[in-house]
Amino acid sequence: MLIQNSDPVHRIWILQLYLAAALIIVLPFAALLEERRKLERALRSRKARYRLLFEQVGEAIFLYPMTTAVTPGNFEKVNNMACSQYGYSREELLCLSPVDLQAPENPEG
């Protein structure tokens, strides 16, 4: 309708050209979005497996960073087995570092 003084065949040809260009532009984006959704589902699945393994393993697991002075920082994550073996709640352990759990007669680790 915006094209003045053109016959219907010419208008249909321009409409088809517009639709083809729109599809060429939109389809790759749709494929990228679907790939992103697939990767997000896979990531959620792997995170769930990691959490299950972290909590269900029969050993105490502590995750903590190392500071620039090569001393361990406070625990960032601990599993249920660590809480039960050391007799602390999760919140209490997250306020401690490996140095705090060392026996007094073994200051070097």
PDB file of N, CA and C in Angstrom:
ATOM      1  N   MET A   1       0.811  -1.177   0.000  1.00  0.00           N
ATOM      2  CA  MET A   1       0.000   0.000   0.000  1.00  0.00           C
ATOM      3  C   MET A   1       0.867   1.259   0.000  1.00  0.00           C
ATOM      4  N   LEU A   2       2.037   1.186   0.567  1.00  0.00           N
ATOM      5  CA  LEU A   2       2.896   2.364   0.612  1.00  0.00           C
ATOM      6  C   LEU A   2       3.547   2.653  -0.739  1.00  0.00           C
ATOM      7  N   ILE A   3       3.600   1.649  -1.576  1.00  0.00           N
ATOM      8  CA  ILE A   3       4.209   1.837  -2.894  1.00  0.00           C
ATOM      9  C   ILE A   3       3.121   2.334  -3.845  1.00  0.00           C
ATOM     10  N   GLN A   4       3.266   3.550  -4.270  1.00  0.00           N
ATOM     11  CA  GLN A   4       2.279   4.159  -5.149  1.00  0.00           C
ATOM     12  C   GLN A   4       2.528   3.751  -6.598  1.00  0.00           C
ATOM     13  N   ASN A   5       1.480   3.671  -7.321  1.00  0.00           N
ATOM     14  CA  ASN A   5       1.532   3.422  -8.766  1.00  0.00           C
ATOM     15  C   ASN A   5       2.267   2.138  -9.121  1.00  0.00           C
ATOM     16  N   SER A   6       2.046   1.057  -8.376  1.00  0.00           N
ATOM     17  CA  SER A   6       2.655  -0.228  -8.740  1.00  0.00           C
ATOM     18  C   SER A   6       1.551  -1.260  -8.882  1.00  0.00           C
ATOM     19  N   ASP A   7       1.795  -2.215  -9.718  1.00  0.00           N
ATOM     20  CA  ASP A   7       0.780  -3.240  -9.948  1.00  0.00           C
ATOM     21  C   ASP A   7       0.806  -4.267  -8.824  1.00  0.00           C
ATOM     22  N   PRO A   8      -0.240  -5.046  -8.645  1.00  0.00           N
ATOM     23  CA  PRO A   8      -0.326  -6.025  -7.550  1.00  0.00           C
ATOM     24  C   PRO A   8       0.787  -7.066  -7.589  1.00  0.00           C
ATOM     25  N   VAL A   9       1.225  -7.463  -8.766  1.00  0.00           N
ATOM     26  CA  VAL A   9       2.306  -8.459  -8.856  1.00  0.00           C
ATOM     27  C   VAL A   9       3.591  -7.896  -8.254  1.00  0.00           C
ATOM     28  N   HIS A  10       3.886  -6.652  -8.544  1.00  0.00           N
ATOM     29  CA  HIS A  10       5.077  -6.007  -8.003  1.00  0.00           C
ATOM     30  C   HIS A  10       4.978  -5.910  -6.475  1.00  0.00           C
ATOM     31  N   ARG A  11       3.814  -5.575  -5.959  1.00  0.00           N
ATOM     32  CA  ARG A  11       3.612  -5.490  -4.515  1.00  0.00           C
ATOM     33  C   ARG A  11       3.787  -6.854  -3.853  1.00  0.00           C
ATOM     34  N   ILE A  12       3.248  -7.903  -4.462  1.00  0.00           N
ATOM     35  CA  ILE A  12       3.384  -9.258  -3.921  1.00  0.00           C
ATOM     36  C   ILE A  12       4.851  -9.678  -3.932  1.00  0.00           C
ATOM     37  N   TRP A  13       5.568  -9.348  -5.004  1.00  0.00           N
ATOM     38  CA  TRP A  13       6.982  -9.692  -5.077  1.00  0.00           C
ATOM     39  C   TRP A  13       7.766  -8.996  -3.962  1.00  0.00           C
ATOM     40  N   ILE A  14       7.485  -7.728  -3.702  1.00  0.00           N
ATOM     41  CA  ILE A  14       8.161  -6.994  -2.629  1.00  0.00           C
ATOM     42  C   ILE A  14       7.791  -7.577  -1.265  1.00  0.00           C
ATOM     43  N   LEU A  15       6.539  -7.959  -1.079  1.00  0.00           N
ATOM     44  CA  LEU A  15       6.118  -8.583   0.178  1.00  0.00           C
ATOM     45  C   LEU A  15       6.854  -9.904   0.395  1.00  0.00           C
ATOM     46  N   GLN A  16       6.978 -10.720  -0.632  1.00  0.00           N
ATOM     47  CA  GLN A  16       7.705 -11.984  -0.519  1.00  0.00           C
ATOM     48  C   GLN A  16       9.179 -11.744  -0.201  1.00  0.00           C
ATOM     49  N   LEU A  17       9.754 -10.758  -0.831  1.00  0.00           N
ATOM     50  CA  LEU A  17      11.150 -10.412  -0.558  1.00  0.00           C
ATOM     51  C   LEU A  17      11.315  -9.976   0.901  1.00  0.00           C
ATOM     52  N   TYR A  18      10.383  -9.181   1.407  1.00  0.00           N
ATOM     53  CA  TYR A  18      10.414  -8.741   2.799  1.00  0.00           C
ATOM     54  C   TYR A  18      10.290  -9.931   3.754  1.00  0.00           C
ATOM     55  N   LEU A  19       9.360 -10.838   3.471  1.00  0.00           N
ATOM     56  CA  LEU A  19       9.184 -12.018   4.326  1.00  0.00           C
ATOM     57  C   LEU A  19      10.422 -12.909   4.307  1.00  0.00           C
ATOM     58  N   ALA A  20      11.025 -13.089   3.146  1.00  0.00           N
ATOM     59  CA  ALA A  20      12.240 -13.906   3.055  1.00  0.00           C
ATOM     60  C   ALA A  20      13.368 -13.284   3.871  1.00  0.00           C
ATOM     61  N   ALA A  21      13.525 -11.975   3.770  1.00  0.00           N
ATOM     62  CA  ALA A  21      14.573 -11.299   4.542  1.00  0.00           C
ATOM     63  C   ALA A  21      14.301 -11.419   6.039  1.00  0.00           C
ATOM     64  N   ALA A  22      13.039 -11.286   6.429  1.00  0.00           N
ATOM     65  CA  ALA A  22      12.695 -11.411   7.846  1.00  0.00           C
ATOM     66  C   ALA A  22      13.020 -12.814   8.360  1.00  0.00           C
ATOM     67  N   LEU A  23      12.707 -13.823   7.564  1.00  0.00           N
ATOM     68  CA  LEU A  23      13.019 -15.197   7.984  1.00  0.00           C
ATOM     69  C   LEU A  23      14.521 -15.432   8.073  1.00  0.00           C
ATOM     70  N   ILE A  24      15.256 -14.900   7.132  1.00  0.00           N
ATOM     71  CA  ILE A  24      16.713 -15.078   7.140  1.00  0.00           C
ATOM     72  C   ILE A  24      17.319 -14.439   8.387  1.00  0.00           C
ATOM     73  N   ILE A  25      16.731 -13.346   8.831  1.00  0.00           N
ATOM     74  CA  ILE A  25      17.247 -12.657  10.019  1.00  0.00           C
ATOM     75  C   ILE A  25      16.769 -13.329  11.301  1.00  0.00           C
ATOM     76  N   VAL A  26      15.522 -13.753  11.366  1.00  0.00           N
ATOM     77  CA  VAL A  26      14.927 -14.259  12.601  1.00  0.00           C
ATOM     78  C   VAL A  26      15.347 -15.699  12.913  1.00  0.00           C
ATOM     79  N   LEU A  27      15.450 -16.552  11.930  1.00  0.00           N
ATOM     80  CA  LEU A  27      15.741 -17.960  12.193  1.00  0.00           C
ATOM     81  C   LEU A  27      17.064 -18.198  12.925  1.00  0.00           C
ATOM     82  N   PRO A  28      18.163 -17.538  12.568  1.00  0.00           N
ATOM     83  CA  PRO A  28      19.394 -17.750  13.351  1.00  0.00           C
ATOM     84  C   PRO A  28      19.249 -17.333  14.816  1.00  0.00           C
ATOM     85  N   PHE A  29      18.520 -16.240  15.070  1.00  0.00           N
ATOM     86  CA  PHE A  29      18.300 -15.822  16.454  1.00  0.00           C
ATOM     87  C   PHE A  29      17.470 -16.843  17.210  1.00  0.00           C
ATOM     88  N   ALA A  30      16.475 -17.410  16.560  1.00  0.00           N
ATOM     89  CA  ALA A  30      15.663 -18.449  17.201  1.00  0.00           C
ATOM     90  C   ALA A  30      16.518 -19.665  17.517  1.00  0.00           C
ATOM     91  N   ALA A  31      17.402 -20.033  16.593  1.00  0.00           N
ATOM     92  CA  ALA A  31      18.293 -21.173  16.843  1.00  0.00           C
ATOM     93  C   ALA A  31      19.229 -20.878  18.007  1.00  0.00           C
ATOM     94  N   LEU A  32      19.755 -19.666  18.085  1.00  0.00           N
ATOM     95  CA  LEU A  32      20.637 -19.293  19.200  1.00  0.00           C
ATOM     96  C   LEU A  32      19.889 -19.310  20.528  1.00  0.00           C
ATOM     97  N   LEU A  33      18.661 -18.827  20.533  1.00  0.00           N
ATOM     98  CA  LEU A  33      17.877 -18.859  21.767  1.00  0.00           C
ATOM     99  C   LEU A  33      17.598 -20.285  22.215  1.00  0.00           C
ATOM    100  N   GLU A  34      17.297 -21.155  21.278  1.00  0.00           N
ATOM    101  CA  GLU A  34      17.045 -22.560  21.632  1.00  0.00           C
ATOM    102  C   GLU A  34      18.315 -23.216  22.157  1.00  0.00           C
ATOM    103  N   GLU A  35      19.443 -22.915  21.555  1.00  0.00           N
ATOM    104  CA  GLU A  35      20.720 -23.452  22.039  1.00  0.00           C
ATOM    105  C   GLU A  35      21.003 -22.952  23.448  1.00  0.00           C
ATOM    106  N   ARG A  36      20.718 -21.686  23.698  1.00  0.00           N
ATOM    107  CA  ARG A  36      20.925 -21.137  25.041  1.00  0.00           C
ATOM    108  C   ARG A  36      20.030 -21.833  26.054  1.00  0.00           C
ATOM    109  N   ARG A  37      18.773 -22.062  25.707  1.00  0.00           N
ATOM    110  CA  ARG A  37      17.874 -22.774  26.622  1.00  0.00           C
ATOM    111  C   ARG A  37      18.384 -24.178  26.905  1.00  0.00           C
ATOM    112  N   LYS A  38      18.882 -24.836  25.886  1.00  0.00           N
ATOM    113  CA  LYS A  38      19.411 -26.194  26.069  1.00  0.00           C
ATOM    114  C   LYS A  38      20.623 -26.182  27.002  1.00  0.00           C
ATOM    115  N   LEU A  39      21.511 -25.214  26.824  1.00  0.00           N
ATOM    116  CA  LEU A  39      22.684 -25.106  27.694  1.00  0.00           C
ATOM    117  C   LEU A  39      22.293 -24.777  29.134  1.00  0.00           C
ATOM    118  N   GLU A  40      21.289 -23.924  29.307  1.00  0.00           N
ATOM    119  CA  GLU A  40      20.830 -23.606  30.661  1.00  0.00           C
ATOM    120  C   GLU A  40      20.230 -24.824  31.345  1.00  0.00           C
ATOM    121  N   ARG A  41      19.473 -25.645  30.604  1.00  0.00           N
ATOM    122  CA  ARG A  41      18.921 -26.882  31.183  1.00  0.00           C
ATOM    123  C   ARG A  41      20.037 -27.833  31.579  1.00  0.00           C
ATOM    124  N   ALA A  42      21.055 -27.965  30.723  1.00  0.00           N
ATOM    125  CA  ALA A  42      22.183 -28.847  31.032  1.00  0.00           C
ATOM    126  C   ALA A  42      22.945 -28.336  32.257  1.00  0.00           C
ATOM    127  N   LEU A  43      23.112 -27.031  32.355  1.00  0.00           N
ATOM    128  CA  LEU A  43      23.809 -26.460  33.514  1.00  0.00           C
ATOM    129  C   LEU A  43      23.035 -26.704  34.804  1.00  0.00           C
ATOM    130  N   ARG A  44      21.713 -26.514  34.764  1.00  0.00           N
ATOM    131  CA  ARG A  44      20.899 -26.790  35.957  1.00  0.00           C
ATOM    132  C   ARG A  44      21.000 -28.255  36.352  1.00  0.00           C
ATOM    133  N   SER A  45      21.012 -29.150  35.374  1.00  0.00           N
ATOM    134  CA  SER A  45      21.121 -30.577  35.669  1.00  0.00           C
ATOM    135  C   SER A  45      22.468 -30.902  36.307  1.00  0.00           C
ATOM    136  N   ARG A  46      23.533 -30.322  35.777  1.00  0.00           N
ATOM    137  CA  ARG A  46      24.867 -30.583  36.344  1.00  0.00           C
ATOM    138  C   ARG A  46      24.997 -30.004  37.745  1.00  0.00           C
ATOM    139  N   LYS A  47      24.418 -28.831  37.965  1.00  0.00           N
ATOM    140  CA  LYS A  47      24.458 -28.238  39.308  1.00  0.00           C
ATOM    141  C   LYS A  47      23.706 -29.111  40.301  1.00  0.00           C
ATOM    142  N   ALA A  48      22.576 -29.663  39.881  1.00  0.00           N
ATOM    143  CA  ALA A  48      21.797 -30.532  40.773  1.00  0.00           C
ATOM    144  C   ALA A  48      22.598 -31.789  41.110  1.00  0.00           C
ATOM    145  N   ARG A  49      23.274 -32.368  40.110  1.00  0.00           N
ATOM    146  CA  ARG A  49      24.101 -33.558  40.375  1.00  0.00           C
ATOM    147  C   ARG A  49      25.260 -33.220  41.302  1.00  0.00           C
ATOM    148  N   TYR A  50      25.877 -32.054  41.107  1.00  0.00           N
ATOM    149  CA  TYR A  50      26.979 -31.627  41.971  1.00  0.00           C
ATOM    150  C   TYR A  50      26.493 -31.483  43.409  1.00  0.00           C
ATOM    151  N   ARG A  51      25.343 -30.822  43.599  1.00  0.00           N
ATOM    152  CA  ARG A  51      24.811 -30.636  44.953  1.00  0.00           C
ATOM    153  C   ARG A  51      24.510 -31.977  45.609  1.00  0.00           C
ATOM    154  N   LEU A  52      23.922 -32.888  44.844  1.00  0.00           N
ATOM    155  CA  LEU A  52      23.598 -34.210  45.377  1.00  0.00           C
ATOM    156  C   LEU A  52      24.873 -34.946  45.782  1.00  0.00           C
ATOM    157  N   LEU A  53      25.868 -34.947  44.934  1.00  0.00           N
ATOM    158  CA  LEU A  53      27.135 -35.599  45.257  1.00  0.00           C
ATOM    159  C   LEU A  53      27.795 -34.941  46.456  1.00  0.00           C
ATOM    160  N   PHE A  54      27.798 -33.614  46.497  1.00  0.00           N
ATOM    161  CA  PHE A  54      28.422 -32.869  47.586  1.00  0.00           C
ATOM    162  C   PHE A  54      27.779 -33.222  48.921  1.00  0.00           C
ATOM    163  N   GLU A  55      26.465 -33.340  48.955  1.00  0.00           N
ATOM    164  CA  GLU A  55      25.765 -33.604  50.210  1.00  0.00           C
ATOM    165  C   GLU A  55      25.716 -35.087  50.580  1.00  0.00           C
ATOM    166  N   GLN A  56      25.733 -35.981  49.607  1.00  0.00           N
ATOM    167  CA  GLN A  56      25.538 -37.405  49.891  1.00  0.00           C
ATOM    168  C   GLN A  56      26.824 -38.202  50.063  1.00  0.00           C
ATOM    169  N   VAL A  57      27.960 -37.627  49.728  1.00  0.00           N
ATOM    170  CA  VAL A  57      29.216 -38.366  49.874  1.00  0.00           C
ATOM    171  C   VAL A  57      29.456 -38.639  51.362  1.00  0.00           C
ATOM    172  N   GLY A  58      30.101 -39.726  51.684  1.00  0.00           N
ATOM    173  CA  GLY A  58      30.306 -40.126  53.067  1.00  0.00           C
ATOM    174  C   GLY A  58      31.507 -39.499  53.738  1.00  0.00           C
ATOM    175  N   GLU A  59      32.042 -38.460  53.192  1.00  0.00           N
ATOM    176  CA  GLU A  59      33.206 -37.774  53.765  1.00  0.00           C
ATOM    177  C   GLU A  59      32.878 -36.304  54.000  1.00  0.00           C
ATOM    178  N   ALA A  60      33.589 -35.707  54.941  1.00  0.00           N
ATOM    179  CA  ALA A  60      33.429 -34.272  55.192  1.00  0.00           C
ATOM    180  C   ALA A  60      34.096 -33.498  54.059  1.00  0.00           C
ATOM    181  N   ILE A  61      33.374 -32.548  53.500  1.00  0.00           N
ATOM    182  CA  ILE A  61      33.910 -31.720  52.417  1.00  0.00           C
ATOM    183  C   ILE A  61      33.813 -30.255  52.839  1.00  0.00           C
ATOM    184  N   PHE A  62      34.921 -29.553  52.685  1.00  0.00           N
ATOM    185  CA  PHE A  62      34.995 -28.125  52.986  1.00  0.00           C
ATOM    186  C   PHE A  62      35.519 -27.415  51.745  1.00  0.00           C
ATOM    187  N   LEU A  63      34.890 -26.339  51.345  1.00  0.00           N
ATOM    188  CA  LEU A  63      35.399 -25.512  50.260  1.00  0.00           C
ATOM    189  C   LEU A  63      35.759 -24.152  50.849  1.00  0.00           C
ATOM    190  N   TYR A  64      36.995 -23.715  50.579  1.00  0.00           N
ATOM    191  CA  TYR A  64      37.444 -22.436  51.110  1.00  0.00           C
ATOM    192  C   TYR A  64      38.471 -21.830  50.160  1.00  0.00           C
ATOM    193  N   PRO A  65      38.565 -20.507  50.147  1.00  0.00           N
ATOM    194  CA  PRO A  65      39.546 -19.840  49.279  1.00  0.00           C
ATOM    195  C   PRO A  65      40.897 -19.747  49.974  1.00  0.00           C
ATOM    196  N   MET A  66      41.920 -19.575  49.170  1.00  0.00           N
ATOM    197  CA  MET A  66      43.253 -19.307  49.702  1.00  0.00           C
ATOM    198  C   MET A  66      43.502 -17.812  49.537  1.00  0.00           C
ATOM    199  N   THR A  67      43.969 -17.167  50.590  1.00  0.00           N
ATOM    200  CA  THR A  67      44.245 -15.733  50.517  1.00  0.00           C
ATOM    201  C   THR A  67      45.579 -15.516  49.828  1.00  0.00           C
ATOM    202  N   THR A  68      45.929 -14.273  49.603  1.00  0.00           N
ATOM    203  CA  THR A  68      47.203 -13.972  48.936  1.00  0.00           C
ATOM    204  C   THR A  68      48.390 -14.392  49.775  1.00  0.00           C
ATOM    205  N   ALA A  69      48.216 -14.471  51.084  1.00  0.00           N
ATOM    206  CA  ALA A  69      49.314 -14.887  51.969  1.00  0.00           C
ATOM    207  C   ALA A  69      49.371 -16.411  52.078  1.00  0.00           C
ATOM    208  N   VAL A  70      48.680 -17.113  51.217  1.00  0.00           N
ATOM    209  CA  VAL A  70      48.614 -18.572  51.176  1.00  0.00           C
ATOM    210  C   VAL A  70      48.096 -19.128  52.502  1.00  0.00           C
ATOM    211  N   THR A  71      47.217 -18.428  53.117  1.00  0.00           N
ATOM    212  CA  THR A  71      46.532 -18.944  54.297  1.00  0.00           C
ATOM    213  C   THR A  71      45.079 -19.170  53.908  1.00  0.00           C
ATOM    214  N   PRO A  72      44.480 -20.204  54.444  1.00  0.00           N
ATOM    215  CA  PRO A  72      43.092 -20.476  54.056  1.00  0.00           C
ATOM    216  C   PRO A  72      42.131 -19.458  54.634  1.00  0.00           C
ATOM    217  N   GLY A  73      41.131 -19.099  53.829  1.00  0.00           N
ATOM    218  CA  GLY A  73      40.085 -18.203  54.295  1.00  0.00           C
ATOM    219  C   GLY A  73      38.977 -18.995  54.964  1.00  0.00           C
ATOM    220  N   ASN A  74      37.906 -18.322  55.339  1.00  0.00           N
ATOM    221  CA  ASN A  74      36.762 -18.998  55.953  1.00  0.00           C
ATOM    222  C   ASN A  74      36.101 -19.945  54.955  1.00  0.00           C
ATOM    223  N   PHE A  75      35.477 -20.965  55.494  1.00  0.00           N
ATOM    224  CA  PHE A  75      34.784 -21.936  54.648  1.00  0.00           C
ATOM    225  C   PHE A  75      33.671 -21.240  53.871  1.00  0.00           C
ATOM    226  N   GLU A  76      33.556 -21.573  52.604  1.00  0.00           N
ATOM    227  CA  GLU A  76      32.473 -21.034  51.780  1.00  0.00           C
ATOM    228  C   GLU A  76      31.321 -22.025  51.682  1.00  0.00           C
ATOM    229  N   LYS A  77      31.661 -23.323  51.675  1.00  0.00           N
ATOM    230  CA  LYS A  77      30.645 -24.376  51.638  1.00  0.00           C
ATOM    231  C   LYS A  77      31.131 -25.548  52.462  1.00  0.00           C
ATOM    232  N   VAL A  78      30.196 -26.180  53.140  1.00  0.00           N
ATOM    233  CA  VAL A  78      30.483 -27.412  53.883  1.00  0.00           C
ATOM    234  C   VAL A  78      29.296 -28.345  53.675  1.00  0.00           C
ATOM    235  N   ASN A  79      29.552 -29.649  53.730  1.00  0.00           N
ATOM    236  CA  ASN A  79      28.430 -30.582  53.581  1.00  0.00           C
ATOM    237  C   ASN A  79      27.937 -31.044  54.955  1.00  0.00           C
ATOM    238  N   ASN A  80      26.852 -31.798  54.949  1.00  0.00           N
ATOM    239  CA  ASN A  80      26.245 -32.269  56.204  1.00  0.00           C
ATOM    240  C   ASN A  80      27.194 -33.155  57.005  1.00  0.00           C
ATOM    241  N   MET A  81      27.992 -33.969  56.311  1.00  0.00           N
ATOM    242  CA  MET A  81      28.929 -34.857  57.003  1.00  0.00           C
ATOM    243  C   MET A  81      29.967 -34.039  57.775  1.00  0.00           C
ATOM    244  N   ALA A  82      30.417 -32.937  57.218  1.00  0.00           N
ATOM    245  CA  ALA A  82      31.382 -32.075  57.923  1.00  0.00           C
ATOM    246  C   ALA A  82      30.746 -31.511  59.193  1.00  0.00           C
ATOM    247  N   CYS A  83      29.497 -31.116  59.100  1.00  0.00           N
ATOM    248  CA  CYS A  83      28.807 -30.575  60.283  1.00  0.00           C
ATOM    249  C   CYS A  83      28.687 -31.636  61.372  1.00  0.00           C
ATOM    250  N   SER A  84      28.307 -32.847  60.985  1.00  0.00           N
ATOM    251  CA  SER A  84      28.118 -33.889  61.998  1.00  0.00           C
ATOM    252  C   SER A  84      29.453 -34.379  62.558  1.00  0.00           C
ATOM    253  N   GLN A  85      30.502 -34.468  61.748  1.00  0.00           N
ATOM    254  CA  GLN A  85      31.793 -34.935  62.242  1.00  0.00           C
ATOM    255  C   GLN A  85      32.431 -33.949  63.218  1.00  0.00           C
ATOM    256  N   TYR A  86      32.261 -32.660  62.965  1.00  0.00           N
ATOM    257  CA  TYR A  86      32.906 -31.660  63.809  1.00  0.00           C
ATOM    258  C   TYR A  86      31.979 -31.086  64.866  1.00  0.00           C
ATOM    259  N   GLY A  87      30.699 -31.427  64.821  1.00  0.00           N
ATOM    260  CA  GLY A  87      29.762 -30.996  65.847  1.00  0.00           C
ATOM    261  C   GLY A  87      29.355 -29.533  65.783  1.00  0.00           C
ATOM    262  N   TYR A  88      29.479 -28.928  64.622  1.00  0.00           N
ATOM    263  CA  TYR A  88      29.082 -27.532  64.432  1.00  0.00           C
ATOM    264  C   TYR A  88      27.857 -27.483  63.513  1.00  0.00           C
ATOM    265  N   SER A  89      27.105 -26.409  63.632  1.00  0.00           N
ATOM    266  CA  SER A  89      26.042 -26.177  62.644  1.00  0.00           C
ATOM    267  C   SER A  89      26.703 -25.636  61.375  1.00  0.00           C
ATOM    268  N   ARG A  90      25.971 -25.651  60.280  1.00  0.00           N
ATOM    269  CA  ARG A  90      26.506 -25.130  59.018  1.00  0.00           C
ATOM    270  C   ARG A  90      26.885 -23.650  59.174  1.00  0.00           C
ATOM    271  N   GLU A  91      26.046 -22.886  59.829  1.00  0.00           N
ATOM    272  CA  GLU A  91      26.314 -21.460  60.010  1.00  0.00           C
ATOM    273  C   GLU A  91      27.591 -21.237  60.828  1.00  0.00           C
ATOM    274  N   GLU A  92      27.790 -22.074  61.855  1.00  0.00           N
ATOM    275  CA  GLU A  92      29.007 -21.939  62.674  1.00  0.00           C
ATOM    276  C   GLU A  92      30.248 -22.274  61.859  1.00  0.00           C
ATOM    277  N   LEU A  93      30.185 -23.358  61.073  1.00  0.00           N
ATOM    278  CA  LEU A  93      31.348 -23.743  60.269  1.00  0.00           C
ATOM    279  C   LEU A  93      31.679 -22.690  59.221  1.00  0.00           C
ATOM    280  N   LEU A  94      30.665 -22.030  58.669  1.00  0.00           N
ATOM    281  CA  LEU A  94      30.920 -21.018  57.646  1.00  0.00           C
ATOM    282  C   LEU A  94      31.597 -19.774  58.211  1.00  0.00           C
ATOM    283  N   CYS A  95      31.646 -19.669  59.512  1.00  0.00           N
ATOM    284  CA  CYS A  95      32.365 -18.555  60.163  1.00  0.00           C
ATOM    285  C   CYS A  95      33.784 -18.948  60.541  1.00  0.00           C
ATOM    286  N   LEU A  96      34.161 -20.198  60.296  1.00  0.00           N
ATOM    287  CA  LEU A  96      35.488 -20.711  60.668  1.00  0.00           C
ATOM    288  C   LEU A  96      36.337 -20.936  59.424  1.00  0.00           C
ATOM    289  N   SER A  97      37.614 -21.219  59.656  1.00  0.00           N
ATOM    290  CA  SER A  97      38.539 -21.586  58.581  1.00  0.00           C
ATOM    291  C   SER A  97      39.222 -22.887  58.985  1.00  0.00           C
ATOM    292  N   PRO A  98      39.971 -23.520  58.092  1.00  0.00           N
ATOM    293  CA  PRO A  98      40.681 -24.755  58.458  1.00  0.00           C
ATOM    294  C   PRO A  98      41.624 -24.576  59.647  1.00  0.00           C
ATOM    295  N   VAL A  99      42.176 -23.382  59.793  1.00  0.00           N
ATOM    296  CA  VAL A  99      43.081 -23.125  60.917  1.00  0.00           C
ATOM    297  C   VAL A  99      42.330 -23.272  62.237  1.00  0.00           C
ATOM    298  N   ASP A 100      41.048 -22.875  62.267  1.00  0.00           N
ATOM    299  CA  ASP A 100      40.257 -22.959  63.487  1.00  0.00           C
ATOM    300  C   ASP A 100      39.959 -24.402  63.883  1.00  0.00           C
ATOM    301  N   LEU A 101      40.045 -25.338  62.954  1.00  0.00           N
ATOM    302  CA  LEU A 101      39.729 -26.743  63.248  1.00  0.00           C
ATOM    303  C   LEU A 101      40.964 -27.566  63.593  1.00  0.00           C
ATOM    304  N   GLN A 102      42.143 -26.973  63.532  1.00  0.00           N
ATOM    305  CA  GLN A 102      43.355 -27.703  63.863  1.00  0.00           C
ATOM    306  C   GLN A 102      43.438 -27.960  65.356  1.00  0.00           C
ATOM    307  N   ALA A 103      43.969 -29.116  65.696  1.00  0.00           N
ATOM    308  CA  ALA A 103      44.185 -29.448  67.100  1.00  0.00           C
ATOM    309  C   ALA A 103      45.272 -28.539  67.672  1.00  0.00           C
ATOM    310  N   PRO A 104      45.158 -28.140  68.937  1.00  0.00           N
ATOM    311  CA  PRO A 104      46.158 -27.239  69.535  1.00  0.00           C
ATOM    312  C   PRO A 104      47.577 -27.838  69.517  1.00  0.00           C
ATOM    313  N   GLU A 105      47.672 -29.160  69.624  1.00  0.00           N
ATOM    314  CA  GLU A 105      49.013 -29.769  69.632  1.00  0.00           C
ATOM    315  C   GLU A 105      49.584 -29.911  68.223  1.00  0.00           C
ATOM    316  N   ASN A 106      48.810 -29.550  67.192  1.00  0.00           N
ATOM    317  CA  ASN A 106      49.266 -29.664  65.801  1.00  0.00           C
ATOM    318  C   ASN A 106      49.066 -28.329  65.093  1.00  0.00           C
ATOM    319  N   PRO A 107      49.844 -27.307  65.454  1.00  0.00           N
ATOM    320  CA  PRO A 107      49.629 -25.985  64.869  1.00  0.00           C
ATOM    321  C   PRO A 107      49.987 -25.890  63.399  1.00  0.00           C
ATOM    322  N   GLU A 108      50.800 -26.788  62.889  1.00  0.00           N
ATOM    323  CA  GLU A 108      51.231 -26.719  61.481  1.00  0.00           C
ATOM    324  C   GLU A 108      50.259 -27.403  60.535  1.00  0.00           C
ATOM    325  N   GLY A 109      49.297 -28.119  60.985  1.00  0.00           N
ATOM    326  CA  GLY A 109      48.332 -28.721  60.087  1.00  0.00           C
ATOM    327  C   GLY A 109      48.394 -30.183  60.138  1.00  0.00           C
TER     328      GLY A 109
END
